[in-house]
């Protein structure tokens, strides 16, 4: 299945893509641990069925030194022993923040308390924005049929202003 449309082609696409990339860059440069960021983006992408983003975040995490074991187990993080309490809180927030239609209450108070126990104000802000941004990226890619499988780590280079 070929992609339907190149979202960053043209004047408007270029402007929107740059702004989207700048928010992502600010999150990447935050104090939220990079490993946590990749795990959260991978888990949300799995839930949303975004092959392109699953491919991208699996490969980027691996290139950054994440173990294959943890990457394989992120889909079953509740039933594994390889994630820290802080990572578990972030993954729970990612799931509940992604499955809004499935959870009438959205993010539970218990999950929120765990996030606040492990992350300071800036890290929490980065984590909330990260969940929102990866869900937006997943939707963009799924809508235009971006496919997984051909991503190479670093392929997009450094995001810039």
C-alpha atoms as a PDB file:
ATOM      1  CA  UNK A   1       0.000   0.000   0.000  1.00  0.00           C
ATOM      2  CA  UNK A   2       1.563   3.268  -1.102  1.00  0.00           C
ATOM      3  CA  UNK A   3       1.280   6.424   0.998  1.00  0.00           C
ATOM      4  CA  UNK A   4      -1.698   8.534  -0.025  1.00  0.00           C
ATOM      5  CA  UNK A   5      -0.138  11.935   0.458  1.00  0.00           C
ATOM      6  CA  UNK A   6       3.126  13.623   1.467  1.00  0.00           C
ATOM      7  CA  UNK A   7       2.114  15.818   4.402  1.00  0.00           C
ATOM      8  CA  UNK A   8       5.304  17.893   4.454  1.00  0.00           C
ATOM      9  CA  UNK A   9       5.373  18.672   0.750  1.00  0.00           C
ATOM     10  CA  UNK A  10       4.319  22.150  -0.272  1.00  0.00           C
ATOM     11  CA  UNK A  11       4.289  25.460   1.552  1.00  0.00           C
ATOM     12  CA  UNK A  12       1.587  24.664   4.127  1.00  0.00           C
ATOM     13  CA  UNK A  13       2.850  21.148   4.790  1.00  0.00           C
ATOM     14  CA  UNK A  14       6.363  22.461   5.292  1.00  0.00           C
ATOM     15  CA  UNK A  15       5.218  25.129   7.762  1.00  0.00           C
ATOM     16  CA  UNK A  16       3.029  22.746   9.734  1.00  0.00           C
ATOM     17  CA  UNK A  17       5.681  20.031   9.760  1.00  0.00           C
ATOM     18  CA  UNK A  18       8.279  22.443  11.064  1.00  0.00           C
ATOM     19  CA  UNK A  19       6.042  23.571  13.919  1.00  0.00           C
ATOM     20  CA  UNK A  20       5.140  19.979  14.765  1.00  0.00           C
ATOM     21  CA  UNK A  21       8.850  19.137  14.720  1.00  0.00           C
ATOM     22  CA  UNK A  22       9.700  22.062  16.999  1.00  0.00           C
ATOM     23  CA  UNK A  23       7.287  20.828  19.691  1.00  0.00           C
ATOM     24  CA  UNK A  24       8.817  17.357  19.377  1.00  0.00           C
ATOM     25  CA  UNK A  25      12.320  18.822  19.653  1.00  0.00           C
ATOM     26  CA  UNK A  26      11.401  20.689  22.846  1.00  0.00           C
ATOM     27  CA  UNK A  27      10.129  17.422  24.349  1.00  0.00           C
ATOM     28  CA  UNK A  28      13.264  15.535  23.234  1.00  0.00           C
ATOM     29  CA  UNK A  29      15.456  18.194  24.865  1.00  0.00           C
ATOM     30  CA  UNK A  30      13.513  18.102  28.146  1.00  0.00           C
ATOM     31  CA  UNK A  31      14.647  16.388  31.345  1.00  0.00           C
ATOM     32  CA  UNK A  32      12.295  13.470  30.664  1.00  0.00           C
ATOM     33  CA  UNK A  33      14.645  10.500  30.127  1.00  0.00           C
ATOM     34  CA  UNK A  34      15.099   9.664  26.454  1.00  0.00           C
ATOM     35  CA  UNK A  35      14.533   5.945  27.089  1.00  0.00           C
ATOM     36  CA  UNK A  36      11.186   6.753  28.697  1.00  0.00           C
ATOM     37  CA  UNK A  37      10.256   8.927  25.730  1.00  0.00           C
ATOM     38  CA  UNK A  38      10.957   6.131  23.246  1.00  0.00           C
ATOM     39  CA  UNK A  39       9.078   3.532  25.313  1.00  0.00           C
ATOM     40  CA  UNK A  40       6.033   5.821  25.583  1.00  0.00           C
ATOM     41  CA  UNK A  41       6.057   6.611  21.863  1.00  0.00           C
ATOM     42  CA  UNK A  42       6.437   2.937  20.995  1.00  0.00           C
ATOM     43  CA  UNK A  43       3.576   1.868  23.264  1.00  0.00           C
ATOM     44  CA  UNK A  44       1.140   4.517  21.993  1.00  0.00           C
ATOM     45  CA  UNK A  45       2.089   3.657  18.401  1.00  0.00           C
ATOM     46  CA  UNK A  46       1.418  -0.040  19.061  1.00  0.00           C
ATOM     47  CA  UNK A  47      -2.023   0.759  20.472  1.00  0.00           C
ATOM     48  CA  UNK A  48      -2.848   3.003  17.512  1.00  0.00           C
ATOM     49  CA  UNK A  49      -1.644   0.468  14.939  1.00  0.00           C
ATOM     50  CA  UNK A  50       0.816   2.914  13.386  1.00  0.00           C
ATOM     51  CA  UNK A  51       3.355   0.713  11.614  1.00  0.00           C
ATOM     52  CA  UNK A  52       5.513   3.649  10.573  1.00  0.00           C
ATOM     53  CA  UNK A  53       5.875   4.964  14.138  1.00  0.00           C
ATOM     54  CA  UNK A  54       6.368   1.480  15.639  1.00  0.00           C
ATOM     55  CA  UNK A  55       9.176   0.961  13.119  1.00  0.00           C
ATOM     56  CA  UNK A  56      10.702   4.392  13.788  1.00  0.00           C
ATOM     57  CA  UNK A  57      10.624   4.248  17.600  1.00  0.00           C
ATOM     58  CA  UNK A  58      11.776   0.638  17.826  1.00  0.00           C
ATOM     59  CA  UNK A  59      14.787   1.396  15.634  1.00  0.00           C
ATOM     60  CA  UNK A  60      15.611   4.742  17.264  1.00  0.00           C
ATOM     61  CA  UNK A  61      15.423   3.203  20.741  1.00  0.00           C
ATOM     62  CA  UNK A  62      17.640   0.307  19.665  1.00  0.00           C
ATOM     63  CA  UNK A  63      20.161   2.667  18.095  1.00  0.00           C
ATOM     64  CA  UNK A  64      20.228   4.640  21.368  1.00  0.00           C
ATOM     65  CA  UNK A  65      21.114   1.461  23.274  1.00  0.00           C
ATOM     66  CA  UNK A  66      17.719   0.181  24.402  1.00  0.00           C
ATOM     67  CA  UNK A  67      17.765  -3.602  24.849  1.00  0.00           C
ATOM     68  CA  UNK A  68      15.864  -5.867  22.492  1.00  0.00           C
ATOM     69  CA  UNK A  69      14.275  -7.545  25.505  1.00  0.00           C
ATOM     70  CA  UNK A  70      12.676  -4.315  26.725  1.00  0.00           C
ATOM     71  CA  UNK A  71      11.569  -3.378  23.213  1.00  0.00           C
ATOM     72  CA  UNK A  72       9.936  -6.783  22.773  1.00  0.00           C
ATOM     73  CA  UNK A  73       8.211  -6.554  26.148  1.00  0.00           C
ATOM     74  CA  UNK A  74       6.853  -3.009  25.932  1.00  0.00           C
ATOM     75  CA  UNK A  75       3.543  -4.323  24.555  1.00  0.00           C
ATOM     76  CA  UNK A  76       3.221  -6.482  27.684  1.00  0.00           C
ATOM     77  CA  UNK A  77       4.897  -4.139  30.168  1.00  0.00           C
ATOM     78  CA  UNK A  78       2.396  -4.918  32.942  1.00  0.00           C
ATOM     79  CA  UNK A  79       3.447  -8.575  32.792  1.00  0.00           C
ATOM     80  CA  UNK A  80       7.208  -8.135  32.732  1.00  0.00           C
ATOM     81  CA  UNK A  81       9.975  -7.298  35.189  1.00  0.00           C
ATOM     82  CA  UNK A  82      12.235  -5.130  33.032  1.00  0.00           C
ATOM     83  CA  UNK A  83      10.657  -1.697  33.549  1.00  0.00           C
ATOM     84  CA  UNK A  84      11.208   0.671  36.456  1.00  0.00           C
ATOM     85  CA  UNK A  85       8.334   2.052  38.536  1.00  0.00           C
ATOM     86  CA  UNK A  86       8.799   5.425  36.829  1.00  0.00           C
ATOM     87  CA  UNK A  87       8.641   3.818  33.373  1.00  0.00           C
ATOM     88  CA  UNK A  88       5.538   1.885  34.397  1.00  0.00           C
ATOM     89  CA  UNK A  89       3.857   5.131  35.458  1.00  0.00           C
ATOM     90  CA  UNK A  90       4.762   6.719  32.102  1.00  0.00           C
ATOM     91  CA  UNK A  91       3.518   3.682  30.161  1.00  0.00           C
ATOM     92  CA  UNK A  92       0.232   3.680  32.113  1.00  0.00           C
ATOM     93  CA  UNK A  93      -0.224   7.378  31.309  1.00  0.00           C
ATOM     94  CA  UNK A  94       0.536   6.665  27.652  1.00  0.00           C
ATOM     95  CA  UNK A  95      -2.060   3.897  27.513  1.00  0.00           C
ATOM     96  CA  UNK A  96      -4.774   5.786  29.348  1.00  0.00           C
ATOM     97  CA  UNK A  97      -4.042   8.999  27.431  1.00  0.00           C
ATOM     98  CA  UNK A  98      -4.178   7.091  24.142  1.00  0.00           C
ATOM     99  CA  UNK A  99      -7.308   5.066  24.875  1.00  0.00           C
ATOM    100  CA  UNK A 100      -9.519   8.012  25.783  1.00  0.00           C
ATOM    101  CA  UNK A 101     -12.550   6.592  24.006  1.00  0.00           C
ATOM    102  CA  UNK A 102     -12.103   3.285  25.844  1.00  0.00           C
ATOM    103  CA  UNK A 103     -11.851   4.796  29.327  1.00  0.00           C
ATOM    104  CA  UNK A 104     -14.724   7.001  30.414  1.00  0.00           C
ATOM    105  CA  UNK A 105     -12.562   8.679  33.040  1.00  0.00           C
ATOM    106  CA  UNK A 106      -9.528   9.269  30.841  1.00  0.00           C
ATOM    107  CA  UNK A 107      -6.372   9.127  32.920  1.00  0.00           C
ATOM    108  CA  UNK A 108      -7.107   7.657  36.343  1.00  0.00           C
ATOM    109  CA  UNK A 109      -6.199   9.408  39.578  1.00  0.00           C
ATOM    110  CA  UNK A 110      -4.031   6.402  40.492  1.00  0.00           C
ATOM    111  CA  UNK A 111      -2.008   6.697  37.287  1.00  0.00           C
ATOM    112  CA  UNK A 112      -1.693  10.465  37.725  1.00  0.00           C
ATOM    113  CA  UNK A 113      -0.456  10.017  41.314  1.00  0.00           C
ATOM    114  CA  UNK A 114       2.186   7.548  40.120  1.00  0.00           C
ATOM    115  CA  UNK A 115       3.348   9.950  37.406  1.00  0.00           C
ATOM    116  CA  UNK A 116       3.633  12.791  39.918  1.00  0.00           C
ATOM    117  CA  UNK A 117       5.506  10.522  42.351  1.00  0.00           C
ATOM    118  CA  UNK A 118       8.240   9.872  39.774  1.00  0.00           C
ATOM    119  CA  UNK A 119       8.387  13.002  37.610  1.00  0.00           C
ATOM    120  CA  UNK A 120       8.874  16.683  38.468  1.00  0.00           C
ATOM    121  CA  UNK A 121       6.754  19.469  36.956  1.00  0.00           C
ATOM    122  CA  UNK A 122       8.830  19.890  33.785  1.00  0.00           C
ATOM    123  CA  UNK A 123       9.095  16.142  33.210  1.00  0.00           C
ATOM    124  CA  UNK A 124       5.346  15.752  33.728  1.00  0.00           C
ATOM    125  CA  UNK A 125       4.684  18.546  31.246  1.00  0.00           C
ATOM    126  CA  UNK A 126       6.995  16.863  28.724  1.00  0.00           C
ATOM    127  CA  UNK A 127       5.300  13.506  29.297  1.00  0.00           C
ATOM    128  CA  UNK A 128       1.783  14.898  28.769  1.00  0.00           C
ATOM    129  CA  UNK A 129       2.846  16.716  25.605  1.00  0.00           C
ATOM    130  CA  UNK A 130       4.680  13.590  24.436  1.00  0.00           C
ATOM    131  CA  UNK A 131       1.530  11.462  24.733  1.00  0.00           C
ATOM    132  CA  UNK A 132      -0.473  14.083  22.837  1.00  0.00           C
ATOM    133  CA  UNK A 133       2.159  14.508  20.115  1.00  0.00           C
ATOM    134  CA  UNK A 134       2.727  10.799  19.460  1.00  0.00           C
ATOM    135  CA  UNK A 135      -1.024  10.271  19.212  1.00  0.00           C
ATOM    136  CA  UNK A 136      -1.203  13.111  16.680  1.00  0.00           C
ATOM    137  CA  UNK A 137       1.756  11.676  14.736  1.00  0.00           C
ATOM    138  CA  UNK A 138       0.140   8.223  14.736  1.00  0.00           C
ATOM    139  CA  UNK A 139      -3.087   9.626  13.369  1.00  0.00           C
ATOM    140  CA  UNK A 140      -1.308  11.590  10.650  1.00  0.00           C
ATOM    141  CA  UNK A 141       0.629   8.519   9.506  1.00  0.00           C
ATOM    142  CA  UNK A 142      -2.341   6.154   9.639  1.00  0.00           C
ATOM    143  CA  UNK A 143      -4.585   8.560   7.706  1.00  0.00           C
ATOM    144  CA  UNK A 144      -2.102   8.903   4.836  1.00  0.00           C
ATOM    145  CA  UNK A 145      -1.003   5.229   4.960  1.00  0.00           C
ATOM    146  CA  UNK A 146       2.656   5.715   5.898  1.00  0.00           C
ATOM    147  CA  UNK A 147       4.030   2.179   6.148  1.00  0.00           C
ATOM    148  CA  UNK A 148       6.540   0.691   8.560  1.00  0.00           C
ATOM    149  CA  UNK A 149       9.618  -1.229   7.563  1.00  0.00           C
ATOM    150  CA  UNK A 150      11.880   1.145   5.715  1.00  0.00           C
ATOM    151  CA  UNK A 151      12.891   3.569   8.466  1.00  0.00           C
ATOM    152  CA  UNK A 152      16.610   3.883   9.194  1.00  0.00           C
ATOM    153  CA  UNK A 153      17.802   5.388  12.505  1.00  0.00           C
ATOM    154  CA  UNK A 154      18.624   9.063  12.086  1.00  0.00           C
ATOM    155  CA  UNK A 155      16.853   9.169   8.728  1.00  0.00           C
ATOM    156  CA  UNK A 156      15.178  12.478   9.467  1.00  0.00           C
ATOM    157  CA  UNK A 157      18.302  14.072  10.879  1.00  0.00           C
ATOM    158  CA  UNK A 158      18.177  16.529  13.709  1.00  0.00           C
ATOM    159  CA  UNK A 159      14.951  18.468  14.066  1.00  0.00           C
ATOM    160  CA  UNK A 160      15.545  22.185  13.819  1.00  0.00           C
ATOM    161  CA  UNK A 161      13.860  25.525  14.387  1.00  0.00           C
END
